[in-house]
């Protein structure tokens, strides 16, 4: 992947340097000062796949999976899993989000808009909204409206999370307008996510709108019913099948492995947590063997308890199976099943559990079909899960959404806003379960802001569950 990082570094350099005044003096074709949209898009998408969705050279995505007790470190406590964090631990992730990704998406959007290539502009806006959502749901208030201005404003004041959410919806609305313009160059093979299929990008935009509407069902100044109505309206134009999943495929060749496969290599000491693994056995869930690999040493499905005082044999614990963590597996960013569970949750709010039942079951079915579970096993599992009612509907919907969104940071947001799946703090925990992550030391040093004093257990604006 070295080539990818070179392109990103070059694009960052172009956005900050003043080489433009030398164009007429020294036009070196081997050192271009302008980069086409088709050359900016692929490395940015790979950065999102590897360094944001799957942590890459940062920590955040993996830390969030420890907070929701899906991943465990085979290390002695204290560690990330027992809620130990220093500000410096987030330096790489802030750099991934801001310097390497949002900066280049801003450049891509500006260039594409100026050139009339509105399909690229639409993609840039959708991915910007995705990254902003990821960042604000981790840190809360973040810079955006005053950011990316270089030396003109080296110390941008943070926007509130409420303002960021407004901007996310505006970006997604603008992206839909850009798609509808149907003007300019068509993306193709340079679009690793959808191959230039703008109808699918449009569905993704609507699905993300629904996601961020539903995050605010309990936020100050909103009502669950109003947010659910907005989400249902968006989902009418959102993803319609598993074929609409937003993902990046990997060949599995050297240097082109799925990033989650790389995350679970032995040197990382990452394994699956017992809370997650044992849930499949308790539910008699046919997805167990599809999603989880048996421990090499025992052949059993065994997760590690987070917070233990000793180190076990790595080969005595399970890691994800090949579907999600094989070298040639897809890396899933946004799933069609998320759209179905969002619809089920919103329908439950508006019309009740009975109306949500079929949608909820369809979400389970579509996830199992994607994994290759047989219809007989699907039907048996659906029967065993029973019927939604007033007291269990939200719990069951979010539990199943949690499974279908395996390894996705969205599960941490769902746990905070709903309380499901039910979690208790781990052994040797040094605090209650975190509700956010710390601001990075690099940002505290370079751009001091009052919000940076936040603790792990402080709640975000929308987190009032």
Protein backbone atom coordinates (compact mmCIF):
# COMPACT_ATOMS: atom_id res chain seq x y z
CA UNK A 1 0.00 0.00 0.00
CA UNK A 2 3.03 2.33 -0.15
CA UNK A 3 1.85 3.77 -3.45
CA UNK A 4 -1.41 4.86 -1.87
CA UNK A 5 0.29 6.80 0.89
CA UNK A 6 2.63 8.51 -1.59
CA UNK A 7 -0.30 9.87 -3.56
CA UNK A 8 -2.01 11.16 -0.43
CA UNK A 9 1.17 12.84 0.75
CA UNK A 10 1.58 14.51 -2.62
CA UNK A 11 -2.02 15.72 -2.63
CA UNK A 12 -1.55 17.22 0.85
CA UNK A 13 1.57 18.97 -0.35
CA UNK A 14 -0.25 20.48 -3.32
CA UNK A 15 -2.95 21.89 -1.06
CA UNK A 16 -0.50 23.72 1.18
CA UNK A 17 2.44 24.86 -0.93
CA UNK A 18 2.76 27.99 -2.99
CA UNK A 19 4.32 26.35 -6.04
CA UNK A 20 1.65 27.77 -8.35
CA UNK A 21 3.61 31.01 -8.87
CA UNK A 22 6.41 29.00 -10.51
CA UNK A 23 4.22 27.44 -13.21
CA UNK A 24 5.47 29.63 -16.03
CA UNK A 25 9.09 29.36 -14.96
CA UNK A 26 9.58 25.67 -14.42
CA UNK A 27 6.88 23.35 -15.71
CA UNK A 28 8.30 19.93 -14.84
CA UNK A 29 6.01 17.16 -16.22
CA UNK A 30 7.49 14.70 -13.73
CA UNK A 31 6.38 16.81 -10.76
CA UNK A 32 2.81 17.89 -11.51
CA UNK A 33 1.33 20.75 -9.53
CA UNK A 34 -2.23 19.73 -10.30
CA UNK A 35 -3.86 16.38 -9.62
CA UNK A 36 -6.99 15.14 -11.37
CA UNK A 37 -10.04 14.05 -9.41
CA UNK A 38 -9.51 10.49 -10.60
CA UNK A 39 -6.10 10.44 -8.88
CA UNK A 40 -7.30 11.93 -5.59
CA UNK A 41 -10.30 9.65 -5.09
CA UNK A 42 -8.70 6.16 -4.90
CA UNK A 43 -6.13 6.85 -2.17
CA UNK A 44 -8.67 8.77 -0.11
CA UNK A 45 -11.08 5.84 -0.28
CA UNK A 46 -8.31 3.47 0.75
CA UNK A 47 -7.43 5.70 3.69
CA UNK A 48 -11.06 5.62 4.83
CA UNK A 49 -11.14 1.85 4.49
CA UNK A 50 -7.84 1.18 6.21
CA UNK A 51 -7.11 4.02 8.61
CA UNK A 52 -10.60 5.13 9.65
CA UNK A 53 -12.91 2.15 9.27
CA UNK A 54 -10.22 -0.31 10.39
CA UNK A 55 -7.81 1.88 12.44
CA UNK A 56 -4.73 1.23 10.25
CA UNK A 57 -1.86 3.11 11.87
CA UNK A 58 -4.21 4.56 14.49
CA UNK A 59 -6.13 3.04 17.41
CA UNK A 60 -9.66 4.41 17.37
CA UNK A 61 -11.71 1.81 15.48
CA UNK A 62 -10.12 -1.05 17.42
CA UNK A 63 -10.52 0.76 20.75
CA UNK A 64 -14.24 1.23 20.08
CA UNK A 65 -14.59 -2.51 19.46
CA UNK A 66 -13.02 -3.09 22.87
CA UNK A 67 -15.47 -0.68 24.49
CA UNK A 68 -18.41 -2.69 23.10
CA UNK A 69 -16.64 -5.94 24.11
CA UNK A 70 -16.21 -7.41 20.65
CA UNK A 71 -12.39 -7.38 20.64
CA UNK A 72 -9.99 -8.18 23.47
CA UNK A 73 -6.25 -7.66 23.86
CA UNK A 74 -4.29 -10.73 24.90
CA UNK A 75 -2.33 -8.53 27.28
CA UNK A 76 -2.25 -8.02 31.02
CA UNK A 77 -4.52 -5.27 32.36
CA UNK A 78 -4.57 -2.30 32.37
CA UNK A 79 -4.91 -1.61 28.67
CA UNK A 80 -7.32 -0.04 26.18
CA UNK A 81 -9.91 -2.69 26.99
CA UNK A 82 -9.97 -1.70 30.66
CA UNK A 83 -10.40 1.94 29.64
CA UNK A 84 -6.79 3.11 29.92
CA UNK A 85 -6.15 5.90 27.44
CA UNK A 86 -3.73 8.80 27.11
CA UNK A 87 -4.28 11.79 24.84
CA UNK A 88 -1.29 10.80 22.73
CA UNK A 89 -3.05 7.53 21.86
CA UNK A 90 -5.40 9.47 19.58
CA UNK A 91 -2.72 11.43 17.69
CA UNK A 92 -2.61 9.02 14.75
CA UNK A 93 -6.38 8.88 14.41
CA UNK A 94 -6.80 12.67 14.39
CA UNK A 95 -4.10 12.86 11.74
CA UNK A 96 -5.87 10.18 9.69
CA UNK A 97 -9.20 11.99 9.87
CA UNK A 98 -8.06 15.57 9.39
CA UNK A 99 -4.66 15.81 7.71
CA UNK A 100 -4.87 12.79 5.47
CA UNK A 101 -8.57 12.38 4.71
CA UNK A 102 -10.82 15.41 5.29
CA UNK A 103 -8.15 17.74 3.93
CA UNK A 104 -8.01 15.80 0.69
CA UNK A 105 -11.78 15.41 0.47
CA UNK A 106 -12.04 19.21 0.78
CA UNK A 107 -9.55 19.53 -2.07
CA UNK A 108 -11.45 16.96 -4.15
CA UNK A 109 -14.77 18.70 -3.61
CA UNK A 110 -13.35 22.12 -4.50
CA UNK A 111 -11.57 20.86 -7.61
CA UNK A 112 -14.53 18.80 -8.84
CA UNK A 113 -16.98 21.67 -8.31
CA UNK A 114 -14.73 24.13 -10.12
CA UNK A 115 -14.32 21.71 -13.02
CA UNK A 116 -18.03 20.92 -13.24
CA UNK A 117 -17.37 17.26 -12.37
CA UNK A 118 -20.31 17.05 -10.02
CA UNK A 119 -20.24 13.28 -9.60
CA UNK A 120 -16.83 13.53 -7.99
CA UNK A 121 -18.08 16.46 -5.93
CA UNK A 122 -21.01 14.33 -4.74
CA UNK A 123 -18.71 11.51 -3.68
CA UNK A 124 -16.43 13.96 -1.87
CA UNK A 125 -19.38 15.39 0.08
CA UNK A 126 -20.75 11.96 1.03
CA UNK A 127 -17.37 10.76 2.25
CA UNK A 128 -16.85 14.04 4.11
CA UNK A 129 -20.17 13.53 5.89
CA UNK A 130 -19.17 9.95 6.73
CA UNK A 131 -15.82 11.05 8.19
CA UNK A 132 -17.34 13.96 10.12
CA UNK A 133 -19.92 11.59 11.61
CA UNK A 134 -17.18 9.18 12.64
CA UNK A 135 -15.12 11.97 14.21
CA UNK A 136 -17.88 13.82 16.06
CA UNK A 137 -19.31 10.58 17.45
CA UNK A 138 -15.87 9.84 18.89
CA UNK A 139 -14.74 13.27 20.10
CA UNK A 140 -17.87 15.46 20.21
CA UNK A 141 -17.13 19.08 19.23
CA UNK A 142 -14.60 19.20 16.37
CA UNK A 143 -13.24 21.77 13.88
CA UNK A 144 -14.91 21.97 10.49
CA UNK A 145 -16.44 25.28 9.40
CA UNK A 146 -13.19 27.16 10.13
CA UNK A 147 -10.83 24.30 9.26
CA UNK A 148 -8.81 23.58 6.09
CA UNK A 149 -7.83 27.22 5.57
CA UNK A 150 -4.11 26.67 6.09
CA UNK A 151 -2.11 29.66 7.33
CA UNK A 152 -5.22 31.86 7.06
CA UNK A 153 -6.60 30.16 10.19
CA UNK A 154 -4.13 27.80 11.87
CA UNK A 155 -6.24 27.63 15.06
CA UNK A 156 -9.84 26.91 14.03
CA UNK A 157 -12.43 27.14 16.79
CA UNK A 158 -14.41 23.93 17.23
CA UNK A 159 -17.97 23.61 15.96
CA UNK A 160 -20.41 22.15 18.46
CA UNK A 161 -21.60 18.63 17.80
CA UNK A 162 -25.06 20.01 17.08
CA UNK A 163 -23.56 22.23 14.38
CA UNK A 164 -21.60 19.29 12.94
CA UNK A 165 -24.78 17.25 12.67
CA UNK A 166 -26.44 20.09 10.79
CA UNK A 167 -23.46 20.26 8.45
CA UNK A 168 -23.55 16.50 7.88
CA UNK A 169 -27.15 16.70 6.70
CA UNK A 170 -26.35 19.72 4.51
CA UNK A 171 -23.43 17.89 2.89
CA UNK A 172 -25.60 14.87 2.16
CA UNK A 173 -28.38 17.05 0.71
CA UNK A 174 -25.83 18.86 -1.47
CA UNK A 175 -24.36 15.54 -2.62
CA UNK A 176 -27.78 14.38 -3.78
CA UNK A 177 -28.18 17.65 -5.70
CA UNK A 178 -24.78 17.06 -7.31
CA UNK A 179 -25.72 13.54 -8.38
CA UNK A 180 -28.93 14.84 -9.90
CA UNK A 181 -26.99 17.34 -12.02
CA UNK A 182 -25.57 14.39 -13.97
CA UNK A 183 -22.78 16.55 -15.33
CA UNK A 184 -19.05 16.18 -15.81
CA UNK A 185 -16.71 13.23 -15.90
CA UNK A 186 -17.95 9.81 -14.79
CA UNK A 187 -15.92 8.01 -12.13
CA UNK A 188 -15.08 4.44 -13.08
CA UNK A 189 -12.37 2.09 -11.88
CA UNK A 190 -10.93 4.88 -9.75
CA UNK A 191 -14.00 4.54 -7.50
CA UNK A 192 -13.14 1.51 -5.34
CA UNK A 193 -16.46 1.59 -3.51
CA UNK A 194 -19.11 1.65 -6.25
CA UNK A 195 -17.22 1.72 -9.55
CA UNK A 196 -18.85 5.02 -10.51
CA UNK A 197 -22.42 3.79 -9.97
CA UNK A 198 -23.95 7.09 -8.92
CA UNK A 199 -27.35 5.53 -8.20
CA UNK A 200 -25.67 3.57 -5.40
CA UNK A 201 -23.86 6.63 -4.11
CA UNK A 202 -27.21 8.40 -3.93
CA UNK A 203 -28.70 5.49 -1.95
CA UNK A 204 -25.73 5.67 0.42
CA UNK A 205 -26.33 9.38 0.97
CA UNK A 206 -29.96 8.78 1.92
CA UNK A 207 -29.00 5.87 4.20
CA UNK A 208 -26.44 8.03 6.01
CA UNK A 209 -29.09 10.73 6.41
CA UNK A 210 -31.28 8.17 8.16
CA UNK A 211 -28.38 7.03 10.37
CA UNK A 212 -27.68 10.53 11.63
CA UNK A 213 -31.37 11.34 12.09
CA UNK A 214 -31.76 8.29 14.31
CA UNK A 215 -28.71 9.23 16.40
CA UNK A 216 -30.72 12.21 17.61
CA UNK A 217 -33.87 10.48 18.86
CA UNK A 218 -33.01 11.58 22.41
CA UNK A 219 -30.92 14.67 21.67
CA UNK A 220 -31.89 17.99 23.29
CA UNK A 221 -34.51 19.83 21.29
CA UNK A 222 -35.63 16.78 19.28
CA UNK A 223 -38.29 14.11 19.60
CA UNK A 224 -37.98 10.44 18.75
CA UNK A 225 -41.08 10.61 16.55
CA UNK A 226 -39.80 13.55 14.49
CA UNK A 227 -36.39 11.94 13.96
CA UNK A 228 -37.99 8.61 13.06
CA UNK A 229 -40.23 10.27 10.47
CA UNK A 230 -37.21 11.96 8.89
CA UNK A 231 -35.33 8.66 8.83
CA UNK A 232 -38.20 6.77 7.22
CA UNK A 233 -38.54 9.41 4.53
CA UNK A 234 -34.82 9.17 3.76
CA UNK A 235 -34.85 5.37 3.74
CA UNK A 236 -37.46 5.36 0.99
CA UNK A 237 -34.59 6.39 -1.28
CA UNK A 238 -31.85 4.50 0.59
CA UNK A 239 -30.23 1.12 0.12
CA UNK A 240 -32.51 -1.58 -1.28
CA UNK A 241 -30.45 -4.79 -1.23
CA UNK A 242 -27.12 -6.29 -0.14
CA UNK A 243 -25.79 -5.26 -3.54
CA UNK A 244 -25.94 -1.66 -2.28
CA UNK A 245 -23.44 -2.29 0.54
CA UNK A 246 -20.65 0.28 0.63
CA UNK A 247 -17.49 -1.79 0.75
CA UNK A 248 -14.00 -2.13 -0.68
CA UNK A 249 -12.84 -5.45 -2.08
CA UNK A 250 -9.34 -6.78 -1.52
CA UNK A 251 -7.50 -9.30 -3.67
CA UNK A 252 -5.53 -10.78 -0.79
CA UNK A 253 -2.23 -10.43 -2.65
CA UNK A 254 0.80 -9.17 -0.78
CA UNK A 255 0.18 -5.51 0.05
CA UNK A 256 -3.51 -5.80 -0.87
CA UNK A 257 -4.90 -7.63 2.16
CA UNK A 258 -8.13 -6.74 3.95
CA UNK A 259 -7.13 -4.40 6.82
CA UNK A 260 -9.03 -6.44 9.41
CA UNK A 261 -6.95 -9.47 8.45
CA UNK A 262 -3.90 -7.36 9.19
CA UNK A 263 -5.38 -6.19 12.49
CA UNK A 264 -5.68 -9.76 13.76
CA UNK A 265 -2.18 -10.91 12.84
CA UNK A 266 -0.48 -12.43 15.93
CA UNK A 267 1.77 -9.42 16.55
CA UNK A 268 -1.28 -7.30 17.41
CA UNK A 269 -2.38 -9.74 20.18
CA UNK A 270 -5.99 -8.92 19.22
CA UNK A 271 -8.58 -11.67 19.57
CA UNK A 272 -12.34 -11.76 19.96
CA UNK A 273 -13.88 -11.07 23.36
CA UNK A 274 -15.84 -13.73 25.22
CA UNK A 275 -18.87 -11.43 25.57
CA UNK A 276 -19.30 -11.40 21.81
CA UNK A 277 -18.41 -15.03 21.11
CA UNK A 278 -20.55 -16.45 23.90
CA UNK A 279 -23.58 -14.56 22.61
CA UNK A 280 -23.66 -16.72 19.49
CA UNK A 281 -23.67 -19.88 21.59
CA UNK A 282 -26.38 -18.55 23.90
CA UNK A 283 -28.61 -17.67 20.94
CA UNK A 284 -27.76 -20.90 19.09
CA UNK A 285 -26.95 -18.56 16.22
CA UNK A 286 -26.09 -20.27 12.91
CA UNK A 287 -23.77 -17.37 12.06
CA UNK A 288 -21.24 -18.56 14.64
CA UNK A 289 -19.10 -20.55 12.20
CA UNK A 290 -19.59 -17.94 9.45
CA UNK A 291 -18.34 -15.01 11.52
CA UNK A 292 -15.96 -16.58 14.04
CA UNK A 293 -13.01 -18.91 13.54
CA UNK A 294 -12.47 -21.69 16.08
CA UNK A 295 -9.34 -21.42 18.19
CA UNK A 296 -6.42 -23.10 16.44
CA UNK A 297 -5.29 -24.86 19.61
CA UNK A 298 -8.62 -26.36 20.68
CA UNK A 299 -11.01 -26.18 17.74
CA UNK A 300 -13.48 -24.47 20.08
CA UNK A 301 -15.14 -21.08 19.75
CA UNK A 302 -13.52 -19.22 22.61
CA UNK A 303 -13.28 -15.52 23.32
CA UNK A 304 -10.94 -13.90 25.83
CA UNK A 305 -12.31 -12.11 28.85
CA UNK A 306 -11.27 -8.46 28.82
CA UNK A 307 -9.23 -7.31 31.79
CA UNK A 308 -7.53 -10.55 32.82
CA UNK A 309 -4.35 -10.43 34.90
CA UNK A 310 -2.55 -13.01 32.78
CA UNK A 311 -1.72 -13.70 29.16
CA UNK A 312 -3.12 -16.75 27.41
CA UNK A 313 -1.97 -18.56 24.32
CA UNK A 314 -3.07 -16.62 21.24
CA UNK A 315 -4.02 -19.88 19.54
CA UNK A 316 -6.46 -20.70 22.35
CA UNK A 317 -8.73 -17.80 21.32
CA UNK A 318 -11.00 -17.16 18.35
CA UNK A 319 -10.55 -14.42 15.78
CA UNK A 320 -12.99 -13.39 13.02
CA UNK A 321 -13.60 -15.94 10.28
CA UNK A 322 -12.61 -15.39 6.67
CA UNK A 323 -15.83 -13.64 5.61
CA UNK A 324 -14.85 -10.50 7.52
CA UNK A 325 -11.14 -10.97 8.16
CA UNK A 326 -9.77 -13.10 5.36
CA UNK A 327 -6.96 -11.55 3.35
CA UNK A 328 -9.32 -11.28 0.34
CA UNK A 329 -12.45 -10.31 2.29
CA UNK A 330 -14.47 -7.18 1.64
CA UNK A 331 -14.13 -4.33 4.11
CA UNK A 332 -17.71 -3.21 4.82
CA UNK A 333 -18.24 0.48 5.62
CA UNK A 334 -22.05 0.82 5.47
CA UNK A 335 -24.39 -2.16 5.12
CA UNK A 336 -27.85 -2.55 3.63
CA UNK A 337 -28.83 -4.41 6.79
CA UNK A 338 -28.15 -1.21 8.75
CA UNK A 339 -30.81 0.48 6.63
CA UNK A 340 -33.27 -2.30 7.46
CA UNK A 341 -32.64 -2.10 11.20
CA UNK A 342 -32.87 1.69 11.11
CA UNK A 343 -36.22 1.27 9.38
CA UNK A 344 -37.34 -1.28 11.96
CA UNK A 345 -36.36 0.99 14.84
CA UNK A 346 -38.04 4.03 13.28
CA UNK A 347 -41.16 2.03 12.47
CA UNK A 348 -41.32 0.78 16.05
CA UNK A 349 -41.25 4.38 17.26
CA UNK A 350 -43.98 5.53 14.87
CA UNK A 351 -46.22 2.49 14.47
CA UNK A 352 -45.27 -0.02 17.15
CA UNK A 353 -43.57 -3.39 17.46
CA UNK A 354 -46.03 -5.36 15.32
CA UNK A 355 -45.41 -3.09 12.35
CA UNK A 356 -41.63 -3.36 12.86
CA UNK A 357 -41.59 -7.18 13.06
CA UNK A 358 -41.32 -8.01 9.35
CA UNK A 359 -38.66 -5.35 8.76
CA UNK A 360 -36.62 -6.57 11.74
CA UNK A 361 -36.81 -10.16 10.49
CA UNK A 362 -35.82 -9.06 7.00
CA UNK A 363 -32.71 -7.45 8.46
CA UNK A 364 -31.70 -10.74 10.07
CA UNK A 365 -32.52 -12.72 6.93
CA UNK A 366 -30.54 -10.45 4.62
CA UNK A 367 -27.49 -10.58 6.87
CA UNK A 368 -27.63 -14.35 7.10
CA UNK A 369 -28.07 -14.67 3.34
CA UNK A 370 -25.00 -12.50 2.81
CA UNK A 371 -23.03 -14.86 5.04
CA UNK A 372 -24.34 -17.94 3.23
CA UNK A 373 -26.61 -19.33 5.98
CA UNK A 374 -29.21 -21.78 4.62
CA UNK A 375 -32.91 -20.93 4.57
CA UNK A 376 -33.86 -23.71 7.01
CA UNK A 377 -31.40 -22.42 9.59
CA UNK A 378 -32.58 -18.86 8.99
CA UNK A 379 -36.22 -19.80 9.57
CA UNK A 380 -35.36 -21.74 12.74
CA UNK A 381 -33.37 -18.83 14.15
CA UNK A 382 -36.10 -16.30 13.38
CA UNK A 383 -38.59 -18.52 15.19
CA UNK A 384 -36.29 -18.83 18.21
CA UNK A 385 -35.95 -15.05 18.49
CA UNK A 386 -39.67 -14.68 18.98
CA UNK A 387 -41.92 -11.72 18.33
CA UNK A 388 -41.26 -8.06 18.95
CA UNK A 389 -43.36 -6.41 21.63
CA UNK A 390 -43.40 -3.16 23.55
CA UNK A 391 -40.86 -4.32 26.11
CA UNK A 392 -38.32 -6.10 23.89
CA UNK A 393 -38.50 -4.44 20.47
CA UNK A 394 -35.66 -1.94 20.79
CA UNK A 395 -33.38 -4.46 22.49
CA UNK A 396 -33.84 -7.13 19.84
CA UNK A 397 -33.55 -4.70 16.93
CA UNK A 398 -30.28 -3.24 18.21
CA UNK A 399 -28.86 -6.63 19.21
CA UNK A 400 -29.36 -7.91 15.68
CA UNK A 401 -28.12 -4.69 14.14
CA UNK A 402 -25.00 -5.03 16.31
CA UNK A 403 -24.28 -8.47 14.84
CA UNK A 404 -24.85 -7.39 11.24
CA UNK A 405 -22.61 -4.33 11.78
CA UNK A 406 -19.73 -6.49 13.00
CA UNK A 407 -16.49 -4.49 13.46
CA UNK A 408 -18.27 -1.23 12.66
CA UNK A 409 -17.81 1.88 14.83
CA UNK A 410 -21.55 2.50 14.52
CA UNK A 411 -22.15 -0.12 17.21
CA UNK A 412 -20.55 2.13 19.85
CA UNK A 413 -22.98 4.92 18.93
CA UNK A 414 -25.93 2.54 19.11
CA UNK A 415 -24.89 1.26 22.54
CA UNK A 416 -24.58 4.80 23.91
CA UNK A 417 -27.93 5.98 22.58
CA UNK A 418 -29.98 2.85 23.37
CA UNK A 419 -28.16 0.94 26.11
CA UNK A 420 -28.13 -2.19 23.91
CA UNK A 421 -26.61 -4.68 23.81
CA UNK A 422 -26.52 -4.66 27.60
CA UNK A 423 -22.91 -4.30 28.77
CA UNK A 424 -21.28 -4.14 32.19
CA UNK A 425 -17.84 -2.71 32.82
CA UNK A 426 -15.04 -5.21 32.42
CA UNK A 427 -12.78 -6.86 34.99
CA UNK A 428 -10.11 -4.47 36.33
CA UNK A 429 -11.88 -1.48 34.75
CA UNK A 430 -10.33 1.83 35.79
CA UNK A 431 -13.57 3.76 35.16
CA UNK A 432 -17.12 3.25 34.01
CA UNK A 433 -17.52 2.28 30.35
CA UNK A 434 -16.29 5.22 28.24
CA UNK A 435 -18.76 7.38 26.34
CA UNK A 436 -16.17 9.02 24.07
CA UNK A 437 -12.41 9.17 23.47
CA UNK A 438 -9.83 11.75 24.45
CA UNK A 439 -8.73 14.63 22.25
CA UNK A 440 -5.23 13.99 20.82
CA UNK A 441 -2.16 15.49 22.40
CA UNK A 442 -1.03 16.83 19.02
CA UNK A 443 -4.22 18.89 18.71
CA UNK A 444 -4.07 20.08 22.32
CA UNK A 445 -0.57 21.38 21.67
CA UNK A 446 -1.21 22.93 18.26
CA UNK A 447 -4.76 24.22 18.72
CA UNK A 448 -5.82 24.51 22.39
CA UNK A 449 -9.59 24.52 22.91
CA UNK A 450 -11.69 24.33 26.11
CA UNK A 451 -13.43 21.12 24.93
CA UNK A 452 -10.12 19.24 25.10
CA UNK A 453 -10.47 18.79 28.86
CA UNK A 454 -13.18 16.16 28.28
CA UNK A 455 -12.82 12.82 30.10
CA UNK A 456 -13.62 9.37 28.70
CA UNK A 457 -16.81 9.15 30.74
CA UNK A 458 -18.15 12.57 29.70
CA UNK A 459 -21.17 12.35 27.43
CA UNK A 460 -21.59 13.84 23.98
CA UNK A 461 -24.36 16.33 23.18
CA UNK A 462 -26.73 13.67 21.85
CA UNK A 463 -25.83 11.00 24.44
CA UNK A 464 -28.61 11.29 27.00
CA UNK A 465 -29.61 7.61 27.24
